[in-house]
Amino acid sequence: LPTTIALPHMCILVGETVSPFTVLKQTNLVLEQYKISPIKNFTTDWKNGKVLSALIDQKVTGFYQANLNNPPGERIKTALRIAHSHLEIPIKLDLMQIIKGEAPEKA
């Protein structure tokens, strides 16, 4: 499988955008490694920050464990910051959009 970094409503796959179904499928394969229940959507299932942390840990080893003890809001903020600074993924959502399960406005 190619390297995938998924964030809500966005998937970077070697510069390509892929279908939401593919993102969910690949994300759930990653989550199995962390014993996180499979996700079914791009809104409410991301609220605790564990999904983002697990995905980022695929490229920034040790991030999931280091971020696990933070409260959910801090977990999300830290995950977004690390995705931006270490993986050069632009931040398209803010903390409250993720916590509320809101989709971002399309550009």
PDB file of N, CA and C in Angstrom:
ATOM      1  N   LEU A   1       0.834  -1.192   0.000  1.00  0.00           N
ATOM      2  CA  LEU A   1       0.000   0.000   0.000  1.00  0.00           C
ATOM      3  C   LEU A   1       0.871   1.244   0.000  1.00  0.00           C
ATOM      4  N   PRO A   2       0.503   2.239  -0.786  1.00  0.00           N
ATOM      5  CA  PRO A   2       1.267   3.483  -0.763  1.00  0.00           C
ATOM      6  C   PRO A   2       1.100   4.197   0.577  1.00  0.00           C
ATOM      7  N   THR A   3       2.017   5.060   0.877  1.00  0.00           N
ATOM      8  CA  THR A   3       1.938   5.819   2.117  1.00  0.00           C
ATOM      9  C   THR A   3       0.764   6.781   2.055  1.00  0.00           C
ATOM     10  N   THR A   4      -0.047   6.771   3.089  1.00  0.00           N
ATOM     11  CA  THR A   4      -1.217   7.640   3.151  1.00  0.00           C
ATOM     12  C   THR A   4      -1.233   8.367   4.479  1.00  0.00           C
ATOM     13  N   ILE A   5      -1.451   9.650   4.415  1.00  0.00           N
ATOM     14  CA  ILE A   5      -1.723  10.429   5.615  1.00  0.00           C
ATOM     15  C   ILE A   5      -3.124  10.977   5.417  1.00  0.00           C
ATOM     16  N   ALA A   6      -4.033  10.597   6.292  1.00  0.00           N
ATOM     17  CA  ALA A   6      -5.422  11.039   6.155  1.00  0.00           C
ATOM     18  C   ALA A   6      -5.746  12.008   7.280  1.00  0.00           C
ATOM     19  N   LEU A   7      -6.440  13.038   6.946  1.00  0.00           N
ATOM     20  CA  LEU A   7      -7.016  13.957   7.912  1.00  0.00           C
ATOM     21  C   LEU A   7      -8.477  14.083   7.531  1.00  0.00           C
ATOM     22  N   PRO A   8      -9.340  14.503   8.435  1.00  0.00           N
ATOM     23  CA  PRO A   8     -10.743  14.598   8.068  1.00  0.00           C
ATOM     24  C   PRO A   8     -10.920  15.366   6.764  1.00  0.00           C
ATOM     25  N   HIS A   9     -11.663  14.815   5.830  1.00  0.00           N
ATOM     26  CA  HIS A   9     -12.016  15.429   4.557  1.00  0.00           C
ATOM     27  C   HIS A   9     -10.829  15.616   3.630  1.00  0.00           C
ATOM     28  N   MET A  10      -9.714  14.985   3.908  1.00  0.00           N
ATOM     29  CA  MET A  10      -8.546  15.190   3.074  1.00  0.00           C
ATOM     30  C   MET A  10      -7.678  13.943   3.138  1.00  0.00           C
ATOM     31  N   CYS A  11      -7.150  13.553   2.025  1.00  0.00           N
ATOM     32  CA  CYS A  11      -6.207  12.446   2.027  1.00  0.00           C
ATOM     33  C   CYS A  11      -5.089  12.791   1.073  1.00  0.00           C
ATOM     34  N   ILE A  12      -3.875  12.706   1.544  1.00  0.00           N
ATOM     35  CA  ILE A  12      -2.725  12.937   0.690  1.00  0.00           C
ATOM     36  C   ILE A  12      -2.156  11.567   0.342  1.00  0.00           C
ATOM     37  N   LEU A  13      -2.141  11.236  -0.906  1.00  0.00           N
ATOM     38  CA  LEU A  13      -1.617   9.948  -1.356  1.00  0.00           C
ATOM     39  C   LEU A  13      -0.673  10.248  -2.506  1.00  0.00           C
ATOM     40  N   VAL A  14       0.576  10.466  -2.180  1.00  0.00           N
ATOM     41  CA  VAL A  14       1.589  10.821  -3.158  1.00  0.00           C
ATOM     42  C   VAL A  14       1.041  11.900  -4.107  1.00  0.00           C
ATOM     43  N   GLY A  15       0.495  12.956  -3.529  1.00  0.00           N
ATOM     44  CA  GLY A  15       0.023  14.084  -4.312  1.00  0.00           C
ATOM     45  C   GLY A  15      -1.343  13.917  -4.954  1.00  0.00           C
ATOM     46  N   GLU A  16      -2.028  12.810  -4.706  1.00  0.00           N
ATOM     47  CA  GLU A  16      -3.339  12.585  -5.303  1.00  0.00           C
ATOM     48  C   GLU A  16      -4.429  12.676  -4.256  1.00  0.00           C
ATOM     49  N   THR A  17      -5.613  13.065  -4.686  1.00  0.00           N
ATOM     50  CA  THR A  17      -6.775  12.990  -3.826  1.00  0.00           C
ATOM     51  C   THR A  17      -7.461  11.674  -4.142  1.00  0.00           C
ATOM     52  N   VAL A  18      -7.855  10.933  -3.123  1.00  0.00           N
ATOM     53  CA  VAL A  18      -8.505   9.639  -3.323  1.00  0.00           C
ATOM     54  C   VAL A  18      -9.905   9.659  -2.731  1.00  0.00           C
ATOM     55  N   SER A  19     -10.675   8.645  -3.033  1.00  0.00           N
ATOM     56  CA  SER A  19     -12.068   8.606  -2.591  1.00  0.00           C
ATOM     57  C   SER A  19     -12.171   8.487  -1.071  1.00  0.00           C
ATOM     58  N   PRO A  20     -13.258   9.034  -0.506  1.00  0.00           N
ATOM     59  CA  PRO A  20     -13.473   8.895   0.947  1.00  0.00           C
ATOM     60  C   PRO A  20     -13.520   7.435   1.393  1.00  0.00           C
ATOM     61  N   PHE A  21     -14.092   6.550   0.584  1.00  0.00           N
ATOM     62  CA  PHE A  21     -14.140   5.129   0.936  1.00  0.00           C
ATOM     63  C   PHE A  21     -12.731   4.573   1.098  1.00  0.00           C
ATOM     64  N   THR A  22     -11.840   4.928   0.193  1.00  0.00           N
ATOM     65  CA  THR A  22     -10.454   4.466   0.264  1.00  0.00           C
ATOM     66  C   THR A  22      -9.771   5.008   1.513  1.00  0.00           C
ATOM     67  N   VAL A  23     -10.034   6.261   1.836  1.00  0.00           N
ATOM     68  CA  VAL A  23      -9.449   6.864   3.029  1.00  0.00           C
ATOM     69  C   VAL A  23      -9.908   6.118   4.278  1.00  0.00           C
ATOM     70  N   LEU A  24     -11.214   5.845   4.371  1.00  0.00           N
ATOM     71  CA  LEU A  24     -11.727   5.116   5.542  1.00  0.00           C
ATOM     72  C   LEU A  24     -11.110   3.730   5.639  1.00  0.00           C
ATOM     73  N   LYS A  25     -11.044   3.040   4.527  1.00  0.00           N
ATOM     74  CA  LYS A  25     -10.499   1.681   4.517  1.00  0.00           C
ATOM     75  C   LYS A  25      -9.030   1.685   4.972  1.00  0.00           C
ATOM     76  N   GLN A  26      -8.228   2.577   4.397  1.00  0.00           N
ATOM     77  CA  GLN A  26      -6.810   2.624   4.758  1.00  0.00           C
ATOM     78  C   GLN A  26      -6.607   3.117   6.185  1.00  0.00           C
ATOM     79  N   THR A  27      -7.425   4.074   6.605  1.00  0.00           N
ATOM     80  CA  THR A  27      -7.338   4.568   7.975  1.00  0.00           C
ATOM     81  C   THR A  27      -7.642   3.448   8.958  1.00  0.00           C
ATOM     82  N   ASN A  28      -8.674   2.669   8.692  1.00  0.00           N
ATOM     83  CA  ASN A  28      -9.041   1.574   9.598  1.00  0.00           C
ATOM     84  C   ASN A  28      -7.973   0.493   9.651  1.00  0.00           C
ATOM     85  N   LEU A  29      -7.252   0.275   8.571  1.00  0.00           N
ATOM     86  CA  LEU A  29      -6.131  -0.665   8.602  1.00  0.00           C
ATOM     87  C   LEU A  29      -5.055  -0.175   9.571  1.00  0.00           C
ATOM     88  N   VAL A  30      -4.789   1.119   9.546  1.00  0.00           N
ATOM     89  CA  VAL A  30      -3.812   1.700  10.468  1.00  0.00           C
ATOM     90  C   VAL A  30      -4.310   1.591  11.904  1.00  0.00           C
ATOM     91  N   LEU A  31      -5.599   1.902  12.125  1.00  0.00           N
ATOM     92  CA  LEU A  31      -6.146   1.922  13.484  1.00  0.00           C
ATOM     93  C   LEU A  31      -6.101   0.557  14.149  1.00  0.00           C
ATOM     94  N   GLU A  32      -6.168  -0.513  13.360  1.00  0.00           N
ATOM     95  CA  GLU A  32      -6.066  -1.866  13.925  1.00  0.00           C
ATOM     96  C   GLU A  32      -4.772  -2.027  14.715  1.00  0.00           C
ATOM     97  N   GLN A  33      -3.686  -1.430  14.220  1.00  0.00           N
ATOM     98  CA  GLN A  33      -2.382  -1.541  14.889  1.00  0.00           C
ATOM     99  C   GLN A  33      -2.387  -0.896  16.272  1.00  0.00           C
ATOM    100  N   TYR A  34      -3.276   0.073  16.472  1.00  0.00           N
ATOM    101  CA  TYR A  34      -3.334   0.826  17.728  1.00  0.00           C
ATOM    102  C   TYR A  34      -4.507   0.388  18.611  1.00  0.00           C
ATOM    103  N   LYS A  35      -5.190  -0.652  18.172  1.00  0.00           N
ATOM    104  CA  LYS A  35      -6.360  -1.164  18.899  1.00  0.00           C
ATOM    105  C   LYS A  35      -7.425  -0.077  19.095  1.00  0.00           C
ATOM    106  N   ILE A  36      -7.617   0.733  18.044  1.00  0.00           N
ATOM    107  CA  ILE A  36      -8.649   1.769  18.027  1.00  0.00           C
ATOM    108  C   ILE A  36      -9.798   1.238  17.179  1.00  0.00           C
ATOM    109  N   SER A  37     -11.015   1.399  17.665  1.00  0.00           N
ATOM    110  CA  SER A  37     -12.195   0.936  16.923  1.00  0.00           C
ATOM    111  C   SER A  37     -12.232   1.565  15.538  1.00  0.00           C
ATOM    112  N   PRO A  38     -12.708   0.815  14.542  1.00  0.00           N
ATOM    113  CA  PRO A  38     -12.801   1.363  13.182  1.00  0.00           C
ATOM    114  C   PRO A  38     -13.678   2.618  13.151  1.00  0.00           C
ATOM    115  N   ILE A  39     -13.304   3.545  12.280  1.00  0.00           N
ATOM    116  CA  ILE A  39     -14.112   4.745  12.113  1.00  0.00           C
ATOM    117  C   ILE A  39     -15.103   4.524  10.975  1.00  0.00           C
ATOM    118  N   LYS A  40     -16.210   5.243  11.041  1.00  0.00           N
ATOM    119  CA  LYS A  40     -17.255   5.105  10.024  1.00  0.00           C
ATOM    120  C   LYS A  40     -17.536   6.407   9.311  1.00  0.00           C
ATOM    121  N   ASN A  41     -16.928   7.507   9.786  1.00  0.00           N
ATOM    122  CA  ASN A  41     -17.218   8.804   9.182  1.00  0.00           C
ATOM    123  C   ASN A  41     -16.027   9.742   9.337  1.00  0.00           C
ATOM    124  N   PHE A  42     -16.171  10.938   8.786  1.00  0.00           N
ATOM    125  CA  PHE A  42     -15.111  11.941   8.860  1.00  0.00           C
ATOM    126  C   PHE A  42     -15.465  13.070   9.821  1.00  0.00           C
ATOM    127  N   THR A  43     -16.425  12.831  10.688  1.00  0.00           N
ATOM    128  CA  THR A  43     -16.840  13.886  11.613  1.00  0.00           C
ATOM    129  C   THR A  43     -16.693  13.413  13.057  1.00  0.00           C
ATOM    130  N   THR A  44     -17.714  12.791  13.608  1.00  0.00           N
ATOM    131  CA  THR A  44     -17.732  12.465  15.033  1.00  0.00           C
ATOM    132  C   THR A  44     -16.667  11.457  15.462  1.00  0.00           C
ATOM    133  N   ASP A  45     -16.239  10.577  14.575  1.00  0.00           N
ATOM    134  CA  ASP A  45     -15.256   9.553  14.950  1.00  0.00           C
ATOM    135  C   ASP A  45     -13.843  10.117  15.156  1.00  0.00           C
ATOM    136  N   TRP A  46     -13.644  11.394  14.865  1.00  0.00           N
ATOM    137  CA  TRP A  46     -12.324  12.010  14.985  1.00  0.00           C
ATOM    138  C   TRP A  46     -12.208  12.884  16.237  1.00  0.00           C
ATOM    139  N   LYS A  47     -13.256  12.962  17.014  1.00  0.00           N
ATOM    140  CA  LYS A  47     -13.352  13.950  18.094  1.00  0.00           C
ATOM    141  C   LYS A  47     -12.357  13.803  19.238  1.00  0.00           C
ATOM    142  N   ASN A  48     -11.853  12.615  19.490  1.00  0.00           N
ATOM    143  CA  ASN A  48     -10.964  12.465  20.646  1.00  0.00           C
ATOM    144  C   ASN A  48      -9.476  12.611  20.300  1.00  0.00           C
ATOM    145  N   GLY A  49      -9.157  12.780  19.034  1.00  0.00           N
ATOM    146  CA  GLY A  49      -7.771  13.006  18.624  1.00  0.00           C
ATOM    147  C   GLY A  49      -6.932  11.753  18.467  1.00  0.00           C
ATOM    148  N   LYS A  50      -7.453  10.595  18.847  1.00  0.00           N
ATOM    149  CA  LYS A  50      -6.669   9.358  18.747  1.00  0.00           C
ATOM    150  C   LYS A  50      -6.437   8.939  17.297  1.00  0.00           C
ATOM    151  N   VAL A  51      -7.440   9.128  16.444  1.00  0.00           N
ATOM    152  CA  VAL A  51      -7.292   8.751  15.034  1.00  0.00           C
ATOM    153  C   VAL A  51      -6.193   9.593  14.387  1.00  0.00           C
ATOM    154  N   LEU A  52      -6.254  10.909  14.582  1.00  0.00           N
ATOM    155  CA  LEU A  52      -5.220  11.782  14.024  1.00  0.00           C
ATOM    156  C   LEU A  52      -3.842  11.395  14.550  1.00  0.00           C
ATOM    157  N   SER A  53      -3.753  11.144  15.829  1.00  0.00           N
ATOM    158  CA  SER A  53      -2.463  10.791  16.431  1.00  0.00           C
ATOM    159  C   SER A  53      -1.908   9.492  15.856  1.00  0.00           C
ATOM    160  N   ALA A  54      -2.768   8.501  15.674  1.00  0.00           N
ATOM    161  CA  ALA A  54      -2.317   7.218  15.112  1.00  0.00           C
ATOM    162  C   ALA A  54      -1.828   7.394  13.676  1.00  0.00           C
ATOM    163  N   LEU A  55      -2.539   8.187  12.890  1.00  0.00           N
ATOM    164  CA  LEU A  55      -2.129   8.404  11.501  1.00  0.00           C
ATOM    165  C   LEU A  55      -0.797   9.138  11.426  1.00  0.00           C
ATOM    166  N   ILE A  56      -0.629  10.133  12.250  1.00  0.00           N
ATOM    167  CA  ILE A  56       0.629  10.882  12.256  1.00  0.00           C
ATOM    168  C   ILE A  56       1.770  10.018  12.754  1.00  0.00           C
ATOM    169  N   ASP A  57       1.496   9.127  13.698  1.00  0.00           N
ATOM    170  CA  ASP A  57       2.513   8.222  14.226  1.00  0.00           C
ATOM    171  C   ASP A  57       3.111   7.333  13.137  1.00  0.00           C
ATOM    172  N   GLN A  58       2.389   7.131  12.057  1.00  0.00           N
ATOM    173  CA  GLN A  58       2.910   6.331  10.949  1.00  0.00           C
ATOM    174  C   GLN A  58       4.144   6.981  10.323  1.00  0.00           C
ATOM    175  N   LYS A  59       4.253   8.299  10.442  1.00  0.00           N
ATOM    176  CA  LYS A  59       5.398   9.028   9.885  1.00  0.00           C
ATOM    177  C   LYS A  59       6.284   9.657  10.959  1.00  0.00           C
ATOM    178  N   VAL A  60       5.715   9.920  12.134  1.00  0.00           N
ATOM    179  CA  VAL A  60       6.456  10.515  13.248  1.00  0.00           C
ATOM    180  C   VAL A  60       6.395   9.509  14.397  1.00  0.00           C
ATOM    181  N   THR A  61       7.300   8.559  14.351  1.00  0.00           N
ATOM    182  CA  THR A  61       7.304   7.448  15.297  1.00  0.00           C
ATOM    183  C   THR A  61       7.324   7.926  16.742  1.00  0.00           C
ATOM    184  N   GLY A  62       6.436   7.341  17.542  1.00  0.00           N
ATOM    185  CA  GLY A  62       6.357   7.668  18.949  1.00  0.00           C
ATOM    186  C   GLY A  62       5.347   8.753  19.272  1.00  0.00           C
ATOM    187  N   PHE A  63       4.800   9.394  18.245  1.00  0.00           N
ATOM    188  CA  PHE A  63       3.859  10.493  18.480  1.00  0.00           C
ATOM    189  C   PHE A  63       2.580  10.015  19.160  1.00  0.00           C
ATOM    190  N   TYR A  64       2.038   8.888  18.735  1.00  0.00           N
ATOM    191  CA  TYR A  64       0.779   8.405  19.307  1.00  0.00           C
ATOM    192  C   TYR A  64       0.904   8.230  20.820  1.00  0.00           C
ATOM    193  N   GLN A  65       1.915   7.521  21.239  1.00  0.00           N
ATOM    194  CA  GLN A  65       2.103   7.248  22.670  1.00  0.00           C
ATOM    195  C   GLN A  65       2.362   8.534  23.446  1.00  0.00           C
ATOM    196  N   ALA A  66       3.156   9.426  22.881  1.00  0.00           N
ATOM    197  CA  ALA A  66       3.479  10.683  23.558  1.00  0.00           C
ATOM    198  C   ALA A  66       2.254  11.587  23.701  1.00  0.00           C
ATOM    199  N   ASN A  67       1.335  11.509  22.755  1.00  0.00           N
ATOM    200  CA  ASN A  67       0.166  12.388  22.742  1.00  0.00           C
ATOM    201  C   ASN A  67      -1.034  11.777  23.463  1.00  0.00           C
ATOM    202  N   LEU A  68      -0.974  10.501  23.793  1.00  0.00           N
ATOM    203  CA  LEU A  68      -2.110   9.769  24.342  1.00  0.00           C
ATOM    204  C   LEU A  68      -2.603  10.309  25.689  1.00  0.00           C
ATOM    205  N   ASN A  69      -1.718  10.787  26.529  1.00  0.00           N
ATOM    206  CA  ASN A  69      -2.121  11.255  27.862  1.00  0.00           C
ATOM    207  C   ASN A  69      -2.714  12.660  27.862  1.00  0.00           C
ATOM    208  N   ASN A  70      -2.623  13.359  26.741  1.00  0.00           N
ATOM    209  CA  ASN A  70      -3.223  14.692  26.654  1.00  0.00           C
ATOM    210  C   ASN A  70      -4.738  14.577  26.593  1.00  0.00           C
ATOM    211  N   PRO A  71      -5.468  15.598  27.080  1.00  0.00           N
ATOM    212  CA  PRO A  71      -6.925  15.590  26.911  1.00  0.00           C
ATOM    213  C   PRO A  71      -7.268  15.724  25.425  1.00  0.00           C
ATOM    214  N   PRO A  72      -8.467  15.308  25.010  1.00  0.00           N
ATOM    215  CA  PRO A  72      -8.819  15.286  23.582  1.00  0.00           C
ATOM    216  C   PRO A  72      -8.544  16.588  22.822  1.00  0.00           C
ATOM    217  N   GLY A  73      -8.913  17.720  23.371  1.00  0.00           N
ATOM    218  CA  GLY A  73      -8.686  18.988  22.666  1.00  0.00           C
ATOM    219  C   GLY A  73      -7.217  19.250  22.421  1.00  0.00           C
ATOM    220  N   GLU A  74      -6.407  19.005  23.437  1.00  0.00           N
ATOM    221  CA  GLU A  74      -4.961  19.197  23.304  1.00  0.00           C
ATOM    222  C   GLU A  74      -4.367  18.173  22.345  1.00  0.00           C
ATOM    223  N   ARG A  75      -4.893  16.947  22.373  1.00  0.00           N
ATOM    224  CA  ARG A  75      -4.446  15.893  21.459  1.00  0.00           C
ATOM    225  C   ARG A  75      -4.645  16.335  20.006  1.00  0.00           C
ATOM    226  N   ILE A  76      -5.807  16.906  19.713  1.00  0.00           N
ATOM    227  CA  ILE A  76      -6.117  17.358  18.348  1.00  0.00           C
ATOM    228  C   ILE A  76      -5.214  18.515  17.951  1.00  0.00           C
ATOM    229  N   LYS A  77      -5.087  19.522  18.826  1.00  0.00           N
ATOM    230  CA  LYS A  77      -4.240  20.680  18.502  1.00  0.00           C
ATOM    231  C   LYS A  77      -2.801  20.241  18.236  1.00  0.00           C
ATOM    232  N   THR A  78      -2.294  19.366  19.077  1.00  0.00           N
ATOM    233  CA  THR A  78      -0.922  18.890  18.908  1.00  0.00           C
ATOM    234  C   THR A  78      -0.782  18.102  17.606  1.00  0.00           C
ATOM    235  N   ALA A  79      -1.759  17.248  17.306  1.00  0.00           N
ATOM    236  CA  ALA A  79      -1.717  16.455  16.077  1.00  0.00           C
ATOM    237  C   ALA A  79      -1.721  17.357  14.837  1.00  0.00           C
ATOM    238  N   LEU A  80      -2.568  18.363  14.827  1.00  0.00           N
ATOM    239  CA  LEU A  80      -2.613  19.282  13.682  1.00  0.00           C
ATOM    240  C   LEU A  80      -1.299  20.037  13.540  1.00  0.00           C
ATOM    241  N   ARG A  81      -0.741  20.472  14.664  1.00  0.00           N
ATOM    242  CA  ARG A  81       0.524  21.205  14.628  1.00  0.00           C
ATOM    243  C   ARG A  81       1.662  20.324  14.097  1.00  0.00           C
ATOM    244  N   ILE A  82       1.721  19.080  14.569  1.00  0.00           N
ATOM    245  CA  ILE A  82       2.780  18.161  14.119  1.00  0.00           C
ATOM    246  C   ILE A  82       2.592  17.791  12.648  1.00  0.00           C
ATOM    247  N   ALA A  83       1.354  17.587  12.229  1.00  0.00           N
ATOM    248  CA  ALA A  83       1.092  17.289  10.812  1.00  0.00           C
ATOM    249  C   ALA A  83       1.586  18.438   9.940  1.00  0.00           C
ATOM    250  N   HIS A  84       1.376  19.645  10.405  1.00  0.00           N
ATOM    251  CA  HIS A  84       1.809  20.813   9.638  1.00  0.00           C
ATOM    252  C   HIS A  84       3.329  20.969   9.664  1.00  0.00           C
ATOM    253  N   SER A  85       3.924  20.909  10.856  1.00  0.00           N
ATOM    254  CA  SER A  85       5.355  21.188  10.973  1.00  0.00           C
ATOM    255  C   SER A  85       6.259  20.054  10.494  1.00  0.00           C
ATOM    256  N   HIS A  86       5.875  18.809  10.749  1.00  0.00           N
ATOM    257  CA  HIS A  86       6.739  17.681  10.391  1.00  0.00           C
ATOM    258  C   HIS A  86       6.404  17.068   9.028  1.00  0.00           C
ATOM    259  N   LEU A  87       5.149  17.159   8.636  1.00  0.00           N
ATOM    260  CA  LEU A  87       4.720  16.486   7.403  1.00  0.00           C
ATOM    261  C   LEU A  87       4.282  17.461   6.316  1.00  0.00           C
ATOM    262  N   GLU A  88       4.335  18.750   6.624  1.00  0.00           N
ATOM    263  CA  GLU A  88       3.982  19.804   5.674  1.00  0.00           C
ATOM    264  C   GLU A  88       2.558  19.675   5.140  1.00  0.00           C
ATOM    265  N   ILE A  89       1.645  19.216   6.007  1.00  0.00           N
ATOM    266  CA  ILE A  89       0.236  19.119   5.649  1.00  0.00           C
ATOM    267  C   ILE A  89      -0.441  20.401   6.113  1.00  0.00           C
ATOM    268  N   PRO A  90      -1.046  21.144   5.193  1.00  0.00           N
ATOM    269  CA  PRO A  90      -1.688  22.391   5.602  1.00  0.00           C
ATOM    270  C   PRO A  90      -2.871  22.129   6.537  1.00  0.00           C
ATOM    271  N   ILE A  91      -3.050  23.010   7.501  1.00  0.00           N
ATOM    272  CA  ILE A  91      -4.163  22.887   8.445  1.00  0.00           C
ATOM    273  C   ILE A  91      -5.393  23.505   7.798  1.00  0.00           C
ATOM    274  N   LYS A  92      -6.395  22.668   7.514  1.00  0.00           N
ATOM    275  CA  LYS A  92      -7.620  23.119   6.860  1.00  0.00           C
ATOM    276  C   LYS A  92      -8.802  23.148   7.828  1.00  0.00           C
ATOM    277  N   LEU A  93      -8.613  22.602   9.020  1.00  0.00           N
ATOM    278  CA  LEU A  93      -9.661  22.552  10.035  1.00  0.00           C
ATOM    279  C   LEU A  93      -9.133  23.166  11.313  1.00  0.00           C
ATOM    280  N   ASP A  94     -10.039  23.672  12.125  1.00  0.00           N
ATOM    281  CA  ASP A  94      -9.595  24.111  13.437  1.00  0.00           C
ATOM    282  C   ASP A  94     -10.132  23.145  14.492  1.00  0.00           C
ATOM    283  N   LEU A  95      -9.655  23.304  15.683  1.00  0.00           N
ATOM    284  CA  LEU A  95      -9.999  22.408  16.783  1.00  0.00           C
ATOM    285  C   LEU A  95     -11.509  22.281  16.963  1.00  0.00           C
ATOM    286  N   MET A  96     -12.216  23.384  16.973  1.00  0.00           N
ATOM    287  CA  MET A  96     -13.659  23.338  17.224  1.00  0.00           C
ATOM    288  C   MET A  96     -14.422  22.636  16.105  1.00  0.00           C
ATOM    289  N   GLN A  97     -13.971  22.763  14.855  1.00  0.00           N
ATOM    290  CA  GLN A  97     -14.625  22.038  13.760  1.00  0.00           C
ATOM    291  C   GLN A  97     -14.530  20.539  13.986  1.00  0.00           C
ATOM    292  N   ILE A  98     -13.385  20.076  14.446  1.00  0.00           N
ATOM    293  CA  ILE A  98     -13.208  18.644  14.678  1.00  0.00           C
ATOM    294  C   ILE A  98     -14.039  18.189  15.872  1.00  0.00           C
ATOM    295  N   ILE A  99     -13.979  18.938  16.968  1.00  0.00           N
ATOM    296  CA  ILE A  99     -14.727  18.557  18.160  1.00  0.00           C
ATOM    297  C   ILE A  99     -16.240  18.536  17.889  1.00  0.00           C
ATOM    298  N   LYS A 100     -16.717  19.513  17.117  1.00  0.00           N
ATOM    299  CA  LYS A 100     -18.143  19.579  16.803  1.00  0.00           C
ATOM    300  C   LYS A 100     -18.539  18.635  15.675  1.00  0.00           C
ATOM    301  N   GLY A 101     -17.546  18.038  15.012  1.00  0.00           N
ATOM    302  CA  GLY A 101     -17.849  17.132  13.903  1.00  0.00           C
ATOM    303  C   GLY A 101     -18.314  17.869  12.662  1.00  0.00           C
ATOM    304  N   GLU A 102     -17.837  19.086  12.458  1.00  0.00           N
ATOM    305  CA  GLU A 102     -18.235  19.897  11.317  1.00  0.00           C
ATOM    306  C   GLU A 102     -17.299  19.679  10.147  1.00  0.00           C
ATOM    307  N   ALA A 103     -17.884  19.674   8.964  1.00  0.00           N
ATOM    308  CA  ALA A 103     -17.099  19.615   7.743  1.00  0.00           C
ATOM    309  C   ALA A 103     -16.605  21.014   7.420  1.00  0.00           C
ATOM    310  N   PRO A 104     -15.386  21.123   6.880  1.00  0.00           N
ATOM    311  CA  PRO A 104     -14.899  22.453   6.510  1.00  0.00           C
ATOM    312  C   PRO A 104     -15.636  22.961   5.282  1.00  0.00           C
ATOM    313  N   GLU A 105     -15.646  24.283   5.114  1.00  0.00           N
ATOM    314  CA  GLU A 105     -16.230  24.841   3.895  1.00  0.00           C
ATOM    315  C   GLU A 105     -15.310  24.510   2.751  1.00  0.00           C
ATOM    316  N   LYS A 106     -15.897  24.182   1.608  1.00  0.00           N
ATOM    317  CA  LYS A 106     -15.068  23.872   0.430  1.00  0.00           C
ATOM    318  C   LYS A 106     -14.522  25.153  -0.162  1.00  0.00           C
ATOM    319  N   ALA A 107     -13.266  25.072  -0.591  1.00  0.00           N
ATOM    320  CA  ALA A 107     -12.615  26.238  -1.171  1.00  0.00           C
ATOM    321  C   ALA A 107     -13.077  26.478  -2.582  1.00  0.00           C
TER     322      ALA A 107
END
